[in-house]
Amino acid sequence: MRTFILWVVFIGLTVSVNAQPGPSVPPSADQVLKQACELAAKDNKNVFVMFTASWCGWCKRMDKSIEDSLCKDFFSANYIIRHLVVDEPAEKLNLENPGARELRSKYHGDGQGIPFWLIFDKNGNLLADSKIREDGAGPEKGDNAGCPASEKEVNFFISVLQKTSGINLKEIDVIRKRFRENDK
């Protein structure tokens, strides 16, 4: 009887361990964008998508700046912010969102480095990207502002925020000061 009980416990543990889910697959880029646009429509906001990676220091600076207590309310009042993981090393490819590389490529972000960001309206139409370009230059041109830090990058970022949100002069000053700290 004792052997039988031990056998039942062993089988139960084996089934329990084997029933544990494997590593989860991140949602696809299409799923992330669709869900974000649905929320944006509901909340009357735009969608801010940032391409990032676990190893990216500048991506972490961008997040830290956006999440800073002085800036956070502005960003959350105007944008649904989502991250798409790309450019992971071979041993961490499971962290990448399926289709994220293709989405970045579609918007001419290949070879631009990360963070690379896009801003969409609630219908999924592209409003802006993180590339600084000359007036009249096509979408394939320009240099990635990434996490804005230099005066030129921060001024560009502010101009994008002005076009895609209800930013006011006080918020401009706060955001400018916070992002310029990234240059140190």
C-alpha atoms as a PDB file:
ATOM      1  CA  MET A   1       0.000   0.000   0.000  1.00  0.00           C
ATOM      2  CA  ARG A   2       2.833   2.359   0.907  1.00  0.00           C
ATOM      3  CA  THR A   3       4.479   1.720  -2.470  1.00  0.00           C
ATOM      4  CA  PHE A   4       1.190   2.404  -4.228  1.00  0.00           C
ATOM      5  CA  ILE A   5       0.782   5.771  -2.452  1.00  0.00           C
ATOM      6  CA  LEU A   6       4.346   6.774  -3.298  1.00  0.00           C
ATOM      7  CA  TRP A   7       3.745   5.753  -6.902  1.00  0.00           C
ATOM      8  CA  VAL A   8       0.558   7.879  -7.085  1.00  0.00           C
ATOM      9  CA  VAL A   9       2.375  10.889  -5.584  1.00  0.00           C
ATOM     10  CA  PHE A  10       5.261  10.415  -8.052  1.00  0.00           C
ATOM     11  CA  ILE A  11       2.860  10.221 -11.015  1.00  0.00           C
ATOM     12  CA  GLY A  12       0.992  13.302  -9.764  1.00  0.00           C
ATOM     13  CA  LEU A  13       4.214  15.297  -9.453  1.00  0.00           C
ATOM     14  CA  THR A  14       5.397  14.145 -12.860  1.00  0.00           C
ATOM     15  CA  VAL A  15       2.141  15.189 -14.501  1.00  0.00           C
ATOM     16  CA  SER A  16       2.200  18.514 -12.646  1.00  0.00           C
ATOM     17  CA  VAL A  17       5.771  19.303 -13.703  1.00  0.00           C
ATOM     18  CA  ASN A  18       5.125  18.256 -17.297  1.00  0.00           C
ATOM     19  CA  ALA A  19       1.945  20.338 -17.410  1.00  0.00           C
ATOM     20  CA  GLN A  20       3.839  23.540 -16.633  1.00  0.00           C
ATOM     21  CA  PRO A  21       3.749  25.902 -19.588  1.00  0.00           C
ATOM     22  CA  GLY A  22       6.964  26.443 -21.514  1.00  0.00           C
ATOM     23  CA  PRO A  23       8.446  29.827 -22.167  1.00  0.00           C
ATOM     24  CA  SER A  24       5.736  32.161 -23.331  1.00  0.00           C
ATOM     25  CA  VAL A  25       5.918  33.632 -26.798  1.00  0.00           C
ATOM     26  CA  PRO A  26       5.602  37.413 -26.806  1.00  0.00           C
ATOM     27  CA  PRO A  27       2.603  38.780 -28.694  1.00  0.00           C
ATOM     28  CA  SER A  28       3.144  39.587 -32.349  1.00  0.00           C
ATOM     29  CA  ALA A  29       3.841  43.139 -33.454  1.00  0.00           C
ATOM     30  CA  ASP A  30       0.477  43.141 -35.237  1.00  0.00           C
ATOM     31  CA  GLN A  31      -1.308  42.107 -32.037  1.00  0.00           C
ATOM     32  CA  VAL A  32       0.488  44.758 -29.984  1.00  0.00           C
ATOM     33  CA  LEU A  33      -0.286  47.505 -32.499  1.00  0.00           C
ATOM     34  CA  LYS A  34      -3.926  46.425 -32.912  1.00  0.00           C
ATOM     35  CA  GLN A  35      -4.521  46.343 -29.153  1.00  0.00           C
ATOM     36  CA  ALA A  36      -2.789  49.707 -28.692  1.00  0.00           C
ATOM     37  CA  CYS A  37      -4.890  51.306 -31.453  1.00  0.00           C
ATOM     38  CA  GLU A  38      -8.078  49.966 -29.860  1.00  0.00           C
ATOM     39  CA  LEU A  39      -7.089  51.543 -26.536  1.00  0.00           C
ATOM     40  CA  ALA A  40      -6.060  54.765 -28.280  1.00  0.00           C
ATOM     41  CA  ALA A  41      -9.456  55.001 -29.982  1.00  0.00           C
ATOM     42  CA  LYS A  42     -11.221  54.429 -26.688  1.00  0.00           C
ATOM     43  CA  ASP A  43      -9.064  56.949 -24.803  1.00  0.00           C
ATOM     44  CA  ASN A  44      -8.628  59.504 -27.624  1.00  0.00           C
ATOM     45  CA  LYS A  45      -4.831  59.134 -27.711  1.00  0.00           C
ATOM     46  CA  ASN A  46      -2.101  58.277 -30.182  1.00  0.00           C
ATOM     47  CA  VAL A  47       0.142  55.223 -30.067  1.00  0.00           C
ATOM     48  CA  PHE A  48       3.862  55.506 -29.289  1.00  0.00           C
ATOM     49  CA  VAL A  49       5.722  52.330 -30.309  1.00  0.00           C
ATOM     50  CA  MET A  50       9.336  51.928 -29.255  1.00  0.00           C
ATOM     51  CA  PHE A  51      11.595  49.235 -30.698  1.00  0.00           C
ATOM     52  CA  THR A  52      13.904  48.067 -27.934  1.00  0.00           C
ATOM     53  CA  ALA A  53      16.092  45.195 -26.710  1.00  0.00           C
ATOM     54  CA  SER A  54      17.045  43.796 -23.313  1.00  0.00           C
ATOM     55  CA  TRP A  55      20.669  44.911 -23.706  1.00  0.00           C
ATOM     56  CA  CYS A  56      19.967  48.461 -24.972  1.00  0.00           C
ATOM     57  CA  GLY A  57      21.171  51.137 -22.561  1.00  0.00           C
ATOM     58  CA  TRP A  58      19.705  53.993 -24.606  1.00  0.00           C
ATOM     59  CA  CYS A  59      16.325  52.215 -24.609  1.00  0.00           C
ATOM     60  CA  LYS A  60      16.452  52.083 -20.826  1.00  0.00           C
ATOM     61  CA  ARG A  61      17.302  55.826 -20.734  1.00  0.00           C
ATOM     62  CA  MET A  62      14.320  56.543 -22.978  1.00  0.00           C
ATOM     63  CA  ASP A  63      12.007  54.566 -20.690  1.00  0.00           C
ATOM     64  CA  LYS A  64      13.463  56.234 -17.607  1.00  0.00           C
ATOM     65  CA  SER A  65      12.901  59.674 -19.142  1.00  0.00           C
ATOM     66  CA  ILE A  66       9.322  58.921 -20.189  1.00  0.00           C
ATOM     67  CA  GLU A  67       8.568  57.351 -16.790  1.00  0.00           C
ATOM     68  CA  ASP A  68      10.183  60.206 -14.852  1.00  0.00           C
ATOM     69  CA  SER A  69       7.624  61.610 -12.401  1.00  0.00           C
ATOM     70  CA  LEU A  70       7.929  65.020 -14.069  1.00  0.00           C
ATOM     71  CA  CYS A  71       7.112  63.660 -17.558  1.00  0.00           C
ATOM     72  CA  LYS A  72       5.024  60.556 -16.959  1.00  0.00           C
ATOM     73  CA  ASP A  73       1.629  62.263 -16.754  1.00  0.00           C
ATOM     74  CA  PHE A  74       2.187  64.062 -20.054  1.00  0.00           C
ATOM     75  CA  PHE A  75       3.064  60.865 -21.915  1.00  0.00           C
ATOM     76  CA  SER A  76       0.288  58.783 -20.369  1.00  0.00           C
ATOM     77  CA  ALA A  77      -2.304  61.512 -21.051  1.00  0.00           C
ATOM     78  CA  ASN A  78      -1.409  61.631 -24.745  1.00  0.00           C
ATOM     79  CA  TYR A  79      -0.095  58.215 -25.781  1.00  0.00           C
ATOM     80  CA  ILE A  80      -0.616  54.502 -25.459  1.00  0.00           C
ATOM     81  CA  ILE A  81       3.024  53.426 -25.161  1.00  0.00           C
ATOM     82  CA  ARG A  82       4.097  49.991 -26.315  1.00  0.00           C
ATOM     83  CA  HIS A  83       7.459  48.277 -26.732  1.00  0.00           C
ATOM     84  CA  LEU A  84       8.463  45.836 -29.448  1.00  0.00           C
ATOM     85  CA  VAL A  85      11.581  43.775 -28.832  1.00  0.00           C
ATOM     86  CA  VAL A  86      14.080  43.377 -31.701  1.00  0.00           C
ATOM     87  CA  ASP A  87      17.800  42.773 -32.206  1.00  0.00           C
ATOM     88  CA  GLU A  88      18.277  40.277 -29.390  1.00  0.00           C
ATOM     89  CA  PRO A  89      21.307  37.971 -29.439  1.00  0.00           C
ATOM     90  CA  ALA A  90      20.768  34.365 -30.541  1.00  0.00           C
ATOM     91  CA  GLU A  91      20.324  33.068 -26.984  1.00  0.00           C
ATOM     92  CA  LYS A  92      17.526  35.595 -26.322  1.00  0.00           C
ATOM     93  CA  LEU A  93      15.608  35.505 -29.616  1.00  0.00           C
ATOM     94  CA  ASN A  94      12.620  34.171 -27.663  1.00  0.00           C
ATOM     95  CA  LEU A  95      12.188  37.696 -26.218  1.00  0.00           C
ATOM     96  CA  GLU A  96      11.518  39.238 -29.629  1.00  0.00           C
ATOM     97  CA  ASN A  97       7.998  40.052 -30.719  1.00  0.00           C
ATOM     98  CA  PRO A  98       7.210  38.079 -33.876  1.00  0.00           C
ATOM     99  CA  GLY A  99       6.905  40.489 -36.800  1.00  0.00           C
ATOM    100  CA  ALA A 100       8.612  43.388 -34.998  1.00  0.00           C
ATOM    101  CA  ARG A 101      11.645  43.381 -37.285  1.00  0.00           C
ATOM    102  CA  GLU A 102       9.362  43.422 -40.316  1.00  0.00           C
ATOM    103  CA  LEU A 103       7.312  46.303 -38.900  1.00  0.00           C
ATOM    104  CA  ARG A 104      10.456  48.313 -38.238  1.00  0.00           C
ATOM    105  CA  SER A 105      11.644  47.559 -41.773  1.00  0.00           C
ATOM    106  CA  LYS A 106       8.296  48.628 -43.242  1.00  0.00           C
ATOM    107  CA  TYR A 107       8.854  52.078 -41.731  1.00  0.00           C
ATOM    108  CA  HIS A 108      12.499  52.320 -42.863  1.00  0.00           C
ATOM    109  CA  GLY A 109      13.987  51.669 -39.434  1.00  0.00           C
ATOM    110  CA  ASP A 110      16.520  49.040 -40.509  1.00  0.00           C
ATOM    111  CA  GLY A 111      20.058  50.019 -39.665  1.00  0.00           C
ATOM    112  CA  GLN A 112      18.856  52.980 -37.586  1.00  0.00           C
ATOM    113  CA  GLY A 113      19.779  51.553 -34.205  1.00  0.00           C
ATOM    114  CA  ILE A 114      17.491  51.445 -31.194  1.00  0.00           C
ATOM    115  CA  PRO A 115      15.490  52.826 -29.672  1.00  0.00           C
ATOM    116  CA  PHE A 116      13.651  53.499 -32.885  1.00  0.00           C
ATOM    117  CA  TRP A 117      10.135  54.800 -32.389  1.00  0.00           C
ATOM    118  CA  LEU A 118       6.966  55.368 -34.364  1.00  0.00           C
ATOM    119  CA  ILE A 119       3.826  57.329 -33.519  1.00  0.00           C
ATOM    120  CA  PHE A 120       0.505  56.193 -34.967  1.00  0.00           C
ATOM    121  CA  ASP A 121      -2.985  57.615 -34.744  1.00  0.00           C
ATOM    122  CA  LYS A 122      -5.818  55.513 -33.329  1.00  0.00           C
ATOM    123  CA  ASN A 123      -6.437  54.027 -36.799  1.00  0.00           C
ATOM    124  CA  GLY A 124      -2.870  52.807 -37.192  1.00  0.00           C
ATOM    125  CA  ASN A 125      -1.788  55.556 -39.581  1.00  0.00           C
ATOM    126  CA  LEU A 126       1.808  56.650 -39.137  1.00  0.00           C
ATOM    127  CA  LEU A 127       2.087  60.213 -37.828  1.00  0.00           C
ATOM    128  CA  ALA A 128       5.820  60.415 -37.104  1.00  0.00           C
ATOM    129  CA  ASP A 129       9.001  58.447 -36.631  1.00  0.00           C
ATOM    130  CA  SER A 130      12.280  59.015 -34.847  1.00  0.00           C
ATOM    131  CA  LYS A 131      14.265  60.004 -37.930  1.00  0.00           C
ATOM    132  CA  ILE A 132      15.575  63.543 -38.243  1.00  0.00           C
ATOM    133  CA  ARG A 133      15.550  64.440 -41.937  1.00  0.00           C
ATOM    134  CA  GLU A 134      15.916  67.427 -44.179  1.00  0.00           C
ATOM    135  CA  ASP A 135      12.687  69.110 -45.301  1.00  0.00           C
ATOM    136  CA  GLY A 136      11.224  67.236 -48.249  1.00  0.00           C
ATOM    137  CA  ALA A 137      13.346  64.105 -47.687  1.00  0.00           C
ATOM    138  CA  GLY A 138      11.544  60.803 -48.094  1.00  0.00           C
ATOM    139  CA  PRO A 139      10.827  58.310 -45.304  1.00  0.00           C
ATOM    140  CA  GLU A 140      13.891  56.241 -46.171  1.00  0.00           C
ATOM    141  CA  LYS A 141      16.168  59.223 -45.398  1.00  0.00           C
ATOM    142  CA  GLY A 142      17.262  60.649 -42.076  1.00  0.00           C
ATOM    143  CA  ASP A 143      19.113  59.774 -38.902  1.00  0.00           C
ATOM    144  CA  ASN A 144      17.527  58.178 -35.871  1.00  0.00           C
ATOM    145  CA  ALA A 145      17.113  60.514 -32.895  1.00  0.00           C
ATOM    146  CA  GLY A 146      16.724  57.377 -30.750  1.00  0.00           C
ATOM    147  CA  CYS A 147      16.600  58.479 -27.157  1.00  0.00           C
ATOM    148  CA  PRO A 148      16.845  62.237 -27.614  1.00  0.00           C
ATOM    149  CA  ALA A 149      19.764  63.733 -25.747  1.00  0.00           C
ATOM    150  CA  SER A 150      21.567  66.369 -27.826  1.00  0.00           C
ATOM    151  CA  GLU A 151      19.954  69.756 -28.319  1.00  0.00           C
ATOM    152  CA  LYS A 152      19.161  68.902 -31.956  1.00  0.00           C
ATOM    153  CA  GLU A 153      17.578  65.550 -31.025  1.00  0.00           C
ATOM    154  CA  VAL A 154      15.535  66.995 -28.165  1.00  0.00           C
ATOM    155  CA  ASN A 155      14.285  69.892 -30.319  1.00  0.00           C
ATOM    156  CA  PHE A 156      13.254  67.380 -32.973  1.00  0.00           C
ATOM    157  CA  PHE A 157      11.506  65.218 -30.359  1.00  0.00           C
ATOM    158  CA  ILE A 158       9.637  68.250 -28.988  1.00  0.00           C
ATOM    159  CA  SER A 159       8.498  69.145 -32.521  1.00  0.00           C
ATOM    160  CA  VAL A 160       7.141  65.610 -32.975  1.00  0.00           C
ATOM    161  CA  LEU A 161       5.347  65.767 -29.627  1.00  0.00           C
ATOM    162  CA  GLN A 162       3.831  69.128 -30.600  1.00  0.00           C
ATOM    163  CA  LYS A 163       2.440  67.595 -33.806  1.00  0.00           C
ATOM    164  CA  THR A 164       1.087  64.447 -32.157  1.00  0.00           C
ATOM    165  CA  SER A 165      -0.212  65.599 -28.769  1.00  0.00           C
ATOM    166  CA  GLY A 166      -1.669  68.487 -26.805  1.00  0.00           C
ATOM    167  CA  ILE A 167       1.673  69.529 -25.321  1.00  0.00           C
ATOM    168  CA  ASN A 168       1.792  72.964 -23.694  1.00  0.00           C
ATOM    169  CA  LEU A 169       4.721  75.325 -23.063  1.00  0.00           C
ATOM    170  CA  LYS A 170       5.209  74.217 -19.468  1.00  0.00           C
ATOM    171  CA  GLU A 171       5.378  70.573 -20.531  1.00  0.00           C
ATOM    172  CA  ILE A 172       7.796  71.442 -23.342  1.00  0.00           C
ATOM    173  CA  ASP A 173      10.186  72.988 -20.822  1.00  0.00           C
ATOM    174  CA  VAL A 174       9.958  69.994 -18.467  1.00  0.00           C
ATOM    175  CA  ILE A 175      10.455  67.439 -21.250  1.00  0.00           C
ATOM    176  CA  ARG A 176      13.311  69.417 -22.796  1.00  0.00           C
ATOM    177  CA  LYS A 177      15.131  69.623 -19.477  1.00  0.00           C
ATOM    178  CA  ARG A 178      14.589  65.933 -18.646  1.00  0.00           C
ATOM    179  CA  PHE A 179      15.700  64.597 -22.025  1.00  0.00           C
ATOM    180  CA  ARG A 180      18.728  66.889 -22.157  1.00  0.00           C
ATOM    181  CA  GLU A 181      19.894  65.106 -18.982  1.00  0.00           C
ATOM    182  CA  ASN A 182      20.433  62.041 -21.213  1.00  0.00           C
ATOM    183  CA  ASP A 183      23.360  63.869 -22.817  1.00  0.00           C
ATOM    184  CA  LYS A 184      25.401  63.753 -19.618  1.00  0.00           C
END
